[in-house]
Amino acid sequence: MTGKRLFGPGRVLLVCVLGMGFIGCSDSLKEVCRSSPTDGRIHVAALCGDSAGFGVGYGGAVQYTKDGGKTWIAGTNRSMCQFSLHALDDRTCFAAGNGSDVIMTGNGGETWTRLSDIPAGCAKGVSFITNDEGWVWTKSALYSTRNNGQTWQTVTLPADIQMIESAFLQSTGNGYLCGLDGYIYRTRDGGRTWERTVQFRDTQDKTFKAVLAGEVQGTAIRLSGERGLVAVIGLKEGKSAIRILRTTDGGETWSEPKYYNLDLPCLTLTISPDLHLAVFNNDSTVSMFALK
């Protein structure tokens, strides 16, 4: 496969619409909300909609919020450590992590239930399109389900993929992978074939040190209709930053990448259903960003 460049069209913190400076352009990334700190055991957290939010982490710790992150409440869960989450809406969220565990909540995070374990490995990420249908991936394998995790099938990976950084299931049979090689791969037939598209990060750019190859997610990709984002957190010339590409045609083409400075070191990254970027900071707060 050959690459193509397709460029085209607790303590409460009070934070109100802060502008994050962009390195070299007038576009802005607006911080629309920052939560109070979550429990210190939380590995990844995100807000969803106007008031809901979810956090998962060490030893199966789970938390939720109903007031936009002003307060976090401990939920009920029995699993091993969780390293990733994917919110479908303000009530439904999936998470995955150690011990091949996959869990979900349907009541806003109050209680979580175990799905069947994926066949092998520590889960790095999760993406569902309905309660029944979704993907879970490790660093080196991708699994799919169409029956709410009762059974899992192994999805064939692109030949060039050595490690998965992130993935997104957009619709039945249609999804994306972000590889450690820096490329976005797309399938339209459930993984039987893959197309390598654009670079979501420049592997030759020595000025940007991305959060890669870890147990948690430093890269995220998500689409909503024709619009979508792929983003990577890291250090740009030694300062915390995020690199973003956009699509407005359902992933057929992607914009040129842009870097935005952030004011706190970032640990993990997810994207909400409304395409807000959820950055989990090193002080255990969640910053939600909107790209303007």
C-alpha atoms as a PDB file:
ATOM      1  CA  MET A   1       0.000   0.000   0.000  1.00  0.00           C
ATOM      2  CA  THR A   2       1.148   3.537  -0.736  1.00  0.00           C
ATOM      3  CA  GLY A   3       0.372   6.646   1.234  1.00  0.00           C
ATOM      4  CA  LYS A   4      -1.759   9.502  -0.083  1.00  0.00           C
ATOM      5  CA  ARG A   5      -1.991  13.053   1.155  1.00  0.00           C
ATOM      6  CA  LEU A   6      -5.624  14.073   0.972  1.00  0.00           C
ATOM      7  CA  PHE A   7      -5.915  17.655   2.137  1.00  0.00           C
ATOM      8  CA  GLY A   8      -9.217  19.412   1.763  1.00  0.00           C
ATOM      9  CA  PRO A   9     -11.897  21.616   2.921  1.00  0.00           C
ATOM     10  CA  GLY A  10     -13.483  18.228  46.002  1.00  0.00           C
ATOM     11  CA  ARG A  11     -12.370  21.701  44.568  1.00  0.00           C
ATOM     12  CA  VAL A  12     -14.262  23.434  41.828  1.00  0.00           C
ATOM     13  CA  LEU A  13     -12.414  25.201  39.062  1.00  0.00           C
ATOM     14  CA  LEU A  14     -14.202  28.039  37.289  1.00  0.00           C
ATOM     15  CA  VAL A  15     -13.134  28.123  33.659  1.00  0.00           C
ATOM     16  CA  CYS A  16     -14.986  29.992  30.911  1.00  0.00           C
ATOM     17  CA  VAL A  17     -14.033  29.783  27.240  1.00  0.00           C
ATOM     18  CA  LEU A  18     -10.279  30.205  27.150  1.00  0.00           C
ATOM     19  CA  GLY A  19      -8.499  30.599  23.809  1.00  0.00           C
ATOM     20  CA  MET A  20      -5.569  28.258  23.206  1.00  0.00           C
ATOM     21  CA  GLY A  21      -2.939  29.801  20.950  1.00  0.00           C
ATOM     22  CA  PHE A  22      -2.324  28.146  17.609  1.00  0.00           C
ATOM     23  CA  ILE A  23       1.204  27.860  16.320  1.00  0.00           C
ATOM     24  CA  GLY A  24       1.092  29.654  12.981  1.00  0.00           C
ATOM     25  CA  CYS A  25      -2.620  30.247  12.185  1.00  0.00           C
ATOM     26  CA  SER A  26      -5.640  32.316  13.232  1.00  0.00           C
ATOM     27  CA  ASP A  27      -7.848  29.292  13.989  1.00  0.00           C
ATOM     28  CA  SER A  28      -8.521  28.837  17.687  1.00  0.00           C
ATOM     29  CA  LEU A  29      -9.104  25.995  20.078  1.00  0.00           C
ATOM     30  CA  LYS A  30     -11.510  27.082  22.815  1.00  0.00           C
ATOM     31  CA  GLU A  31     -11.441  25.535  26.263  1.00  0.00           C
ATOM     32  CA  VAL A  32     -15.155  25.483  27.013  1.00  0.00           C
ATOM     33  CA  CYS A  33     -14.995  23.688  30.352  1.00  0.00           C
ATOM     34  CA  ARG A  34     -12.520  22.407  32.925  1.00  0.00           C
ATOM     35  CA  SER A  35     -13.671  20.038  35.626  1.00  0.00           C
ATOM     36  CA  SER A  36     -12.690  19.739  39.242  1.00  0.00           C
ATOM     37  CA  PRO A  37     -10.114  16.997  39.933  1.00  0.00           C
ATOM     38  CA  THR A  38     -11.198  13.389  39.717  1.00  0.00           C
ATOM     39  CA  ASP A  39     -10.097  10.661  42.094  1.00  0.00           C
ATOM     40  CA  GLY A  40      -6.332  10.158  41.955  1.00  0.00           C
ATOM     41  CA  ARG A  41      -6.863   6.577  40.736  1.00  0.00           C
ATOM     42  CA  ILE A  42      -8.546   7.693  37.499  1.00  0.00           C
ATOM     43  CA  HIS A  43      -6.508   7.108  34.306  1.00  0.00           C
ATOM     44  CA  VAL A  44      -8.873   8.690  31.768  1.00  0.00           C
ATOM     45  CA  ALA A  45     -11.978  10.862  32.075  1.00  0.00           C
ATOM     46  CA  ALA A  46     -14.222  12.870  29.761  1.00  0.00           C
ATOM     47  CA  LEU A  47     -17.320  15.033  29.883  1.00  0.00           C
ATOM     48  CA  CYS A  48     -20.273  14.369  27.591  1.00  0.00           C
ATOM     49  CA  GLY A  49     -22.944  16.930  26.756  1.00  0.00           C
ATOM     50  CA  ASP A  50     -23.807  19.722  29.158  1.00  0.00           C
ATOM     51  CA  SER A  51     -23.559  17.849  32.451  1.00  0.00           C
ATOM     52  CA  ALA A  52     -22.564  14.177  32.190  1.00  0.00           C
ATOM     53  CA  GLY A  53     -19.075  12.722  32.487  1.00  0.00           C
ATOM     54  CA  PHE A  54     -17.241   9.466  33.089  1.00  0.00           C
ATOM     55  CA  GLY A  55     -13.885   8.455  34.556  1.00  0.00           C
ATOM     56  CA  VAL A  56     -12.208   5.033  34.835  1.00  0.00           C
ATOM     57  CA  GLY A  57      -8.896   3.891  36.224  1.00  0.00           C
ATOM     58  CA  TYR A  58      -6.747   1.930  38.638  1.00  0.00           C
ATOM     59  CA  GLY A  59      -8.175  -1.205  40.203  1.00  0.00           C
ATOM     60  CA  GLY A  60     -11.443  -0.759  38.333  1.00  0.00           C
ATOM     61  CA  ALA A  61     -12.156   2.618  39.952  1.00  0.00           C
ATOM     62  CA  VAL A  62     -15.020   4.440  38.223  1.00  0.00           C
ATOM     63  CA  GLN A  63     -16.484   7.911  38.734  1.00  0.00           C
ATOM     64  CA  TYR A  64     -19.241   9.947  37.148  1.00  0.00           C
ATOM     65  CA  THR A  65     -20.523  13.504  37.211  1.00  0.00           C
ATOM     66  CA  LYS A  66     -23.969  14.984  36.646  1.00  0.00           C
ATOM     67  CA  ASP A  67     -22.993  18.648  36.971  1.00  0.00           C
ATOM     68  CA  GLY A  68     -20.391  19.112  34.276  1.00  0.00           C
ATOM     69  CA  GLY A  69     -17.471  17.995  36.417  1.00  0.00           C
ATOM     70  CA  LYS A  70     -17.997  20.248  39.431  1.00  0.00           C
ATOM     71  CA  THR A  71     -18.333  17.115  41.554  1.00  0.00           C
ATOM     72  CA  TRP A  72     -17.347  13.496  40.875  1.00  0.00           C
ATOM     73  CA  ILE A  73     -19.157  10.550  42.447  1.00  0.00           C
ATOM     74  CA  ALA A  74     -17.827   7.013  42.852  1.00  0.00           C
ATOM     75  CA  GLY A  75     -19.697   4.437  40.786  1.00  0.00           C
ATOM     76  CA  THR A  76     -19.965   0.669  41.288  1.00  0.00           C
ATOM     77  CA  ASN A  77     -17.740  -1.638  39.265  1.00  0.00           C
ATOM     78  CA  ARG A  78     -15.806  -4.892  39.607  1.00  0.00           C
ATOM     79  CA  SER A  79     -12.999  -5.161  37.075  1.00  0.00           C
ATOM     80  CA  MET A  80      -9.275  -4.719  36.718  1.00  0.00           C
ATOM     81  CA  CYS A  81      -7.624  -1.401  35.776  1.00  0.00           C
ATOM     82  CA  GLN A  82      -9.317   0.488  32.953  1.00  0.00           C
ATOM     83  CA  PHE A  83      -7.296   2.571  30.473  1.00  0.00           C
ATOM     84  CA  SER A  84      -9.831   3.782  27.906  1.00  0.00           C
ATOM     85  CA  LEU A  85     -13.432   4.900  27.534  1.00  0.00           C
ATOM     86  CA  HIS A  86     -15.910   5.771  24.797  1.00  0.00           C
ATOM     87  CA  ALA A  87     -19.164   7.605  25.531  1.00  0.00           C
ATOM     88  CA  LEU A  88     -22.112   6.949  23.233  1.00  0.00           C
ATOM     89  CA  ASP A  89     -24.244   9.561  24.985  1.00  0.00           C
ATOM     90  CA  ASP A  90     -24.759  11.040  28.440  1.00  0.00           C
ATOM     91  CA  ARG A  91     -26.042   7.706  29.781  1.00  0.00           C
ATOM     92  CA  THR A  92     -24.022   5.071  27.960  1.00  0.00           C
ATOM     93  CA  CYS A  93     -20.280   4.581  28.116  1.00  0.00           C
ATOM     94  CA  PHE A  94     -17.903   1.684  27.427  1.00  0.00           C
ATOM     95  CA  ALA A  95     -14.450   1.156  28.936  1.00  0.00           C
ATOM     96  CA  ALA A  96     -11.677  -1.413  28.596  1.00  0.00           C
ATOM     97  CA  GLY A  97      -8.331  -2.287  30.142  1.00  0.00           C
ATOM     98  CA  ASN A  98      -6.341  -4.932  31.985  1.00  0.00           C
ATOM     99  CA  GLY A  99      -7.249  -8.596  32.111  1.00  0.00           C
ATOM    100  CA  SER A 100      -8.945  -8.281  28.693  1.00  0.00           C
ATOM    101  CA  ASP A 101     -11.799  -6.608  30.591  1.00  0.00           C
ATOM    102  CA  VAL A 102     -14.569  -4.646  28.856  1.00  0.00           C
ATOM    103  CA  ILE A 103     -17.254  -2.872  30.901  1.00  0.00           C
ATOM    104  CA  MET A 104     -20.226  -0.619  30.211  1.00  0.00           C
ATOM    105  CA  THR A 105     -22.722   1.607  31.957  1.00  0.00           C
ATOM    106  CA  GLY A 106     -26.212   2.489  30.812  1.00  0.00           C
ATOM    107  CA  ASN A 107     -27.187   4.727  33.717  1.00  0.00           C
ATOM    108  CA  GLY A 108     -24.724   7.574  33.499  1.00  0.00           C
ATOM    109  CA  GLY A 109     -21.896   5.802  35.318  1.00  0.00           C
ATOM    110  CA  GLU A 110     -23.606   4.806  38.539  1.00  0.00           C
ATOM    111  CA  THR A 111     -23.170   1.075  37.912  1.00  0.00           C
ATOM    112  CA  TRP A 112     -21.013  -0.812  35.409  1.00  0.00           C
ATOM    113  CA  THR A 113     -21.392  -4.350  34.098  1.00  0.00           C
ATOM    114  CA  ARG A 114     -18.825  -6.718  32.606  1.00  0.00           C
ATOM    115  CA  LEU A 115     -19.051  -7.849  29.001  1.00  0.00           C
ATOM    116  CA  SER A 116     -17.219 -10.981  27.913  1.00  0.00           C
ATOM    117  CA  ASP A 117     -13.461 -10.573  27.849  1.00  0.00           C
ATOM    118  CA  ILE A 118     -11.737  -9.960  24.548  1.00  0.00           C
ATOM    119  CA  PRO A 119      -9.703 -13.011  23.417  1.00  0.00           C
ATOM    120  CA  ALA A 120      -6.308 -11.760  24.613  1.00  0.00           C
ATOM    121  CA  GLY A 121      -4.278  -8.781  25.709  1.00  0.00           C
ATOM    122  CA  CYS A 122      -4.610  -5.559  27.672  1.00  0.00           C
ATOM    123  CA  ALA A 123      -7.214  -3.377  25.969  1.00  0.00           C
ATOM    124  CA  LYS A 124      -5.942   0.057  24.895  1.00  0.00           C
ATOM    125  CA  GLY A 125      -9.117   1.485  23.345  1.00  0.00           C
ATOM    126  CA  VAL A 126     -12.809   1.004  22.691  1.00  0.00           C
ATOM    127  CA  SER A 127     -15.372   2.350  20.173  1.00  0.00           C
ATOM    128  CA  PHE A 128     -19.079   1.432  19.962  1.00  0.00           C
ATOM    129  CA  ILE A 129     -21.789   2.626  17.573  1.00  0.00           C
ATOM    130  CA  THR A 130     -24.695   0.995  19.435  1.00  0.00           C
ATOM    131  CA  ASN A 131     -25.047  -0.924  22.678  1.00  0.00           C
ATOM    132  CA  ASP A 132     -24.440  -4.084  20.657  1.00  0.00           C
ATOM    133  CA  GLU A 133     -21.851  -3.227  18.024  1.00  0.00           C
ATOM    134  CA  GLY A 134     -18.312  -2.058  18.613  1.00  0.00           C
ATOM    135  CA  TRP A 135     -14.561  -2.481  18.495  1.00  0.00           C
ATOM    136  CA  VAL A 136     -11.998  -3.031  21.238  1.00  0.00           C
ATOM    137  CA  TRP A 137      -8.285  -3.027  20.517  1.00  0.00           C
ATOM    138  CA  THR A 138      -4.987  -3.821  22.164  1.00  0.00           C
ATOM    139  CA  LYS A 139      -1.636  -2.539  20.938  1.00  0.00           C
ATOM    140  CA  SER A 140      -1.473  -5.348  18.385  1.00  0.00           C
ATOM    141  CA  ALA A 141      -4.994  -6.711  17.813  1.00  0.00           C
ATOM    142  CA  LEU A 142      -8.490  -5.479  16.931  1.00  0.00           C
ATOM    143  CA  TYR A 143     -11.693  -7.243  17.983  1.00  0.00           C
ATOM    144  CA  SER A 144     -15.323  -6.662  16.975  1.00  0.00           C
ATOM    145  CA  THR A 145     -18.692  -7.586  18.449  1.00  0.00           C
ATOM    146  CA  ARG A 146     -22.278  -7.294  17.262  1.00  0.00           C
ATOM    147  CA  ASN A 147     -23.944  -8.777  20.335  1.00  0.00           C
ATOM    148  CA  ASN A 148     -22.923  -6.491  23.206  1.00  0.00           C
ATOM    149  CA  GLY A 149     -19.669  -8.299  23.812  1.00  0.00           C
ATOM    150  CA  GLN A 150     -21.119 -11.763  24.254  1.00  0.00           C
ATOM    151  CA  THR A 151     -18.678 -12.905  21.564  1.00  0.00           C
ATOM    152  CA  TRP A 152     -15.690 -11.283  19.875  1.00  0.00           C
ATOM    153  CA  GLN A 153     -14.214 -11.743  16.403  1.00  0.00           C
ATOM    154  CA  THR A 154     -10.647 -10.888  15.404  1.00  0.00           C
ATOM    155  CA  VAL A 155     -10.442  -8.212  12.701  1.00  0.00           C
ATOM    156  CA  THR A 156      -7.573  -8.521  10.227  1.00  0.00           C
ATOM    157  CA  LEU A 157      -5.204  -5.560  10.502  1.00  0.00           C
ATOM    158  CA  PRO A 158      -3.554  -3.655   7.647  1.00  0.00           C
ATOM    159  CA  ALA A 159      -0.301  -5.287   6.578  1.00  0.00           C
ATOM    160  CA  ASP A 160       1.689  -2.162   7.507  1.00  0.00           C
ATOM    161  CA  ILE A 161       0.346  -1.892  11.061  1.00  0.00           C
ATOM    162  CA  GLN A 162       2.809  -2.859  13.794  1.00  0.00           C
ATOM    163  CA  MET A 163       1.012  -1.141  16.652  1.00  0.00           C
ATOM    164  CA  ILE A 164      -2.428   0.451  17.017  1.00  0.00           C
ATOM    165  CA  GLU A 165      -2.577   3.901  18.569  1.00  0.00           C
ATOM    166  CA  SER A 166      -6.313   4.541  18.160  1.00  0.00           C
ATOM    167  CA  ALA A 167      -9.373   3.432  16.205  1.00  0.00           C
ATOM    168  CA  PHE A 168     -12.965   4.430  15.516  1.00  0.00           C
ATOM    169  CA  LEU A 169     -15.922   2.406  14.262  1.00  0.00           C
ATOM    170  CA  GLN A 170     -18.089   4.835  12.281  1.00  0.00           C
ATOM    171  CA  SER A 171     -20.789   2.434  11.077  1.00  0.00           C
ATOM    172  CA  THR A 172     -21.178  -1.272  10.391  1.00  0.00           C
ATOM    173  CA  GLY A 173     -18.083  -2.359   8.471  1.00  0.00           C
ATOM    174  CA  ASN A 174     -16.744   1.202   8.178  1.00  0.00           C
ATOM    175  CA  GLY A 175     -13.938   2.282  10.461  1.00  0.00           C
ATOM    176  CA  TYR A 176     -10.497   3.784  10.959  1.00  0.00           C
ATOM    177  CA  LEU A 177      -7.195   2.858  12.580  1.00  0.00           C
ATOM    178  CA  CYS A 178      -4.328   5.138  13.575  1.00  0.00           C
ATOM    179  CA  GLY A 179      -1.027   3.269  13.530  1.00  0.00           C
ATOM    180  CA  LEU A 180       2.278   3.856  15.252  1.00  0.00           C
ATOM    181  CA  ASP A 181       3.668   4.502  11.760  1.00  0.00           C
ATOM    182  CA  GLY A 182       1.721   7.796  11.793  1.00  0.00           C
ATOM    183  CA  TYR A 183      -0.927   6.915   9.177  1.00  0.00           C
ATOM    184  CA  ILE A 184      -4.731   6.691   9.214  1.00  0.00           C
ATOM    185  CA  TYR A 185      -6.079   3.455   7.716  1.00  0.00           C
ATOM    186  CA  ARG A 186      -9.681   3.049   6.587  1.00  0.00           C
ATOM    187  CA  THR A 187     -11.819  -0.041   6.020  1.00  0.00           C
ATOM    188  CA  ARG A 188     -15.243  -0.106   4.356  1.00  0.00           C
ATOM    189  CA  ASP A 189     -15.738  -3.878   4.569  1.00  0.00           C
ATOM    190  CA  GLY A 190     -15.165  -4.829   8.180  1.00  0.00           C
ATOM    191  CA  GLY A 191     -11.405  -5.186   7.879  1.00  0.00           C
ATOM    192  CA  ARG A 192     -11.198  -7.451   4.837  1.00  0.00           C
ATOM    193  CA  THR A 193      -9.360  -4.629   3.048  1.00  0.00           C
ATOM    194  CA  TRP A 194      -7.711  -1.430   4.286  1.00  0.00           C
ATOM    195  CA  GLU A 195      -6.671   1.799   2.587  1.00  0.00           C
ATOM    196  CA  ARG A 196      -3.768   3.837   3.929  1.00  0.00           C
ATOM    197  CA  THR A 197      -4.756   7.516   3.708  1.00  0.00           C
ATOM    198  CA  VAL A 198      -2.967  10.453   5.362  1.00  0.00           C
ATOM    199  CA  GLN A 199      -0.412  10.944   8.086  1.00  0.00           C
ATOM    200  CA  PHE A 200      -2.014  12.042  11.352  1.00  0.00           C
ATOM    201  CA  ARG A 201       1.474  12.759  12.686  1.00  0.00           C
ATOM    202  CA  ASP A 202       4.738  13.488  10.934  1.00  0.00           C
ATOM    203  CA  THR A 203       7.264  10.869  12.008  1.00  0.00           C
ATOM    204  CA  GLN A 204      10.056  13.129  10.726  1.00  0.00           C
ATOM    205  CA  ASP A 205       9.022  16.123  12.854  1.00  0.00           C
ATOM    206  CA  LYS A 206      11.574  16.142  15.663  1.00  0.00           C
ATOM    207  CA  THR A 207       9.965  19.232  17.260  1.00  0.00           C
ATOM    208  CA  PHE A 208       6.834  17.296  18.340  1.00  0.00           C
ATOM    209  CA  LYS A 209       7.116  14.406  20.797  1.00  0.00           C
ATOM    210  CA  ALA A 210       3.753  12.621  20.750  1.00  0.00           C
ATOM    211  CA  VAL A 211       2.301  10.463  23.546  1.00  0.00           C
ATOM    212  CA  LEU A 212       2.651   7.086  21.822  1.00  0.00           C
ATOM    213  CA  ALA A 213       2.983   3.337  22.400  1.00  0.00           C
ATOM    214  CA  GLY A 214       1.664   3.442  25.984  1.00  0.00           C
ATOM    215  CA  GLU A 215      -1.171   1.655  27.733  1.00  0.00           C
ATOM    216  CA  VAL A 216      -3.334   4.795  27.616  1.00  0.00           C
ATOM    217  CA  GLN A 217      -4.557   6.719  24.608  1.00  0.00           C
ATOM    218  CA  GLY A 218      -2.611   9.746  23.390  1.00  0.00           C
ATOM    219  CA  THR A 219      -4.260   9.678  19.950  1.00  0.00           C
ATOM    220  CA  ALA A 220      -7.995   9.879  19.251  1.00  0.00           C
ATOM    221  CA  ILE A 221     -10.139   9.797  16.111  1.00  0.00           C
ATOM    222  CA  ARG A 222     -13.900  10.275  15.842  1.00  0.00           C
ATOM    223  CA  LEU A 223     -16.473  11.297  13.240  1.00  0.00           C
ATOM    224  CA  SER A 224     -20.021  12.586  13.556  1.00  0.00           C
ATOM    225  CA  GLY A 225     -21.753  12.549  10.207  1.00  0.00           C
ATOM    226  CA  GLU A 226     -19.442  14.183   7.664  1.00  0.00           C
ATOM    227  CA  ARG A 227     -17.385  16.018  10.275  1.00  0.00           C
ATOM    228  CA  GLY A 228     -14.515  14.484  12.179  1.00  0.00           C
ATOM    229  CA  LEU A 229     -11.224  14.966  14.003  1.00  0.00           C
ATOM    230  CA  VAL A 230      -8.013  13.099  14.625  1.00  0.00           C
ATOM    231  CA  ALA A 231      -5.807  14.494  17.368  1.00  0.00           C
ATOM    232  CA  VAL A 232      -2.538  13.671  19.110  1.00  0.00           C
ATOM    233  CA  ILE A 233      -1.244  15.096  22.394  1.00  0.00           C
ATOM    234  CA  GLY A 234       2.422  15.616  23.168  1.00  0.00           C
ATOM    235  CA  LEU A 235       5.166  18.210  23.482  1.00  0.00           C
ATOM    236  CA  LYS A 236       5.835  20.779  20.759  1.00  0.00           C
ATOM    237  CA  GLU A 237       9.298  22.260  21.250  1.00  0.00           C
ATOM    238  CA  GLY A 238       9.086  21.232  24.901  1.00  0.00           C
ATOM    239  CA  LYS A 239       5.613  22.690  25.567  1.00  0.00           C
ATOM    240  CA  SER A 240       2.342  20.809  25.957  1.00  0.00           C
ATOM    241  CA  ALA A 241       0.456  20.822  22.663  1.00  0.00           C
ATOM    242  CA  ILE A 242      -2.113  19.013  20.559  1.00  0.00           C
ATOM    243  CA  ARG A 243      -1.929  18.267  16.815  1.00  0.00           C
ATOM    244  CA  ILE A 244      -5.286  18.180  14.987  1.00  0.00           C
ATOM    245  CA  LEU A 245      -6.539  17.232  11.528  1.00  0.00           C
ATOM    246  CA  ARG A 246     -10.166  17.790  10.449  1.00  0.00           C
ATOM    247  CA  THR A 247     -12.480  16.238   7.885  1.00  0.00           C
ATOM    248  CA  THR A 248     -15.754  17.653   6.554  1.00  0.00           C
ATOM    249  CA  ASP A 249     -16.524  14.923   4.009  1.00  0.00           C
ATOM    250  CA  GLY A 250     -16.759  11.777   6.088  1.00  0.00           C
ATOM    251  CA  GLY A 251     -13.055  11.008   6.069  1.00  0.00           C
ATOM    252  CA  GLU A 252     -12.563  11.155   2.315  1.00  0.00           C
ATOM    253  CA  THR A 253     -10.094  14.026   2.774  1.00  0.00           C
ATOM    254  CA  TRP A 254      -8.375  15.584   5.782  1.00  0.00           C
ATOM    255  CA  SER A 255      -7.097  19.100   6.432  1.00  0.00           C
ATOM    256  CA  GLU A 256      -3.489  19.987   6.889  1.00  0.00           C
ATOM    257  CA  PRO A 257      -2.387  19.435  10.505  1.00  0.00           C
ATOM    258  CA  LYS A 258      -2.306  22.287  12.995  1.00  0.00           C
ATOM    259  CA  TYR A 259      -0.694  22.517  16.422  1.00  0.00           C
ATOM    260  CA  TYR A 260      -2.280  24.216  19.424  1.00  0.00           C
ATOM    261  CA  ASN A 261      -0.542  25.061  22.699  1.00  0.00           C
ATOM    262  CA  LEU A 262      -2.077  23.760  25.943  1.00  0.00           C
ATOM    263  CA  ASP A 263      -1.503  25.171  29.419  1.00  0.00           C
ATOM    264  CA  LEU A 264      -1.210  21.838  31.282  1.00  0.00           C
ATOM    265  CA  PRO A 265       0.639  18.591  30.598  1.00  0.00           C
ATOM    266  CA  CYS A 266      -1.748  16.019  29.100  1.00  0.00           C
ATOM    267  CA  LEU A 267      -2.082  12.359  30.068  1.00  0.00           C
ATOM    268  CA  THR A 268      -4.843  10.988  27.817  1.00  0.00           C
ATOM    269  CA  LEU A 269      -7.175  12.112  25.047  1.00  0.00           C
ATOM    270  CA  THR A 270     -10.685  11.175  23.915  1.00  0.00           C
ATOM    271  CA  ILE A 271     -13.271  12.826  21.656  1.00  0.00           C
ATOM    272  CA  SER A 272     -16.893  13.290  22.740  1.00  0.00           C
ATOM    273  CA  PRO A 273     -19.965  12.578  20.565  1.00  0.00           C
ATOM    274  CA  ASP A 274     -20.240  16.313  19.747  1.00  0.00           C
ATOM    275  CA  LEU A 275     -16.571  16.342  18.647  1.00  0.00           C
ATOM    276  CA  HIS A 276     -15.242  18.174  21.663  1.00  0.00           C
ATOM    277  CA  LEU A 277     -11.732  17.130  22.629  1.00  0.00           C
ATOM    278  CA  ALA A 278     -11.527  15.717  26.153  1.00  0.00           C
ATOM    279  CA  VAL A 279      -8.002  16.134  27.530  1.00  0.00           C
ATOM    280  CA  PHE A 280      -7.227  14.479  30.869  1.00  0.00           C
ATOM    281  CA  ASN A 281      -4.616  16.669  32.540  1.00  0.00           C
ATOM    282  CA  ASN A 282      -1.830  15.728  34.928  1.00  0.00           C
ATOM    283  CA  ASP A 283      -3.687  17.436  37.799  1.00  0.00           C
ATOM    284  CA  SER A 284      -6.592  14.954  37.324  1.00  0.00           C
ATOM    285  CA  THR A 285      -8.882  17.576  35.787  1.00  0.00           C
ATOM    286  CA  VAL A 286     -10.660  17.270  32.436  1.00  0.00           C
ATOM    287  CA  SER A 287     -10.421  20.061  29.860  1.00  0.00           C
ATOM    288  CA  MET A 288     -13.012  20.091  27.083  1.00  0.00           C
ATOM    289  CA  PHE A 289     -11.993  21.910  23.903  1.00  0.00           C
ATOM    290  CA  ALA A 290     -13.991  23.013  20.874  1.00  0.00           C
ATOM    291  CA  LEU A 291     -12.254  23.781  17.593  1.00  0.00           C
ATOM    292  CA  LYS A 292     -13.461  27.073  16.086  1.00  0.00           C
END
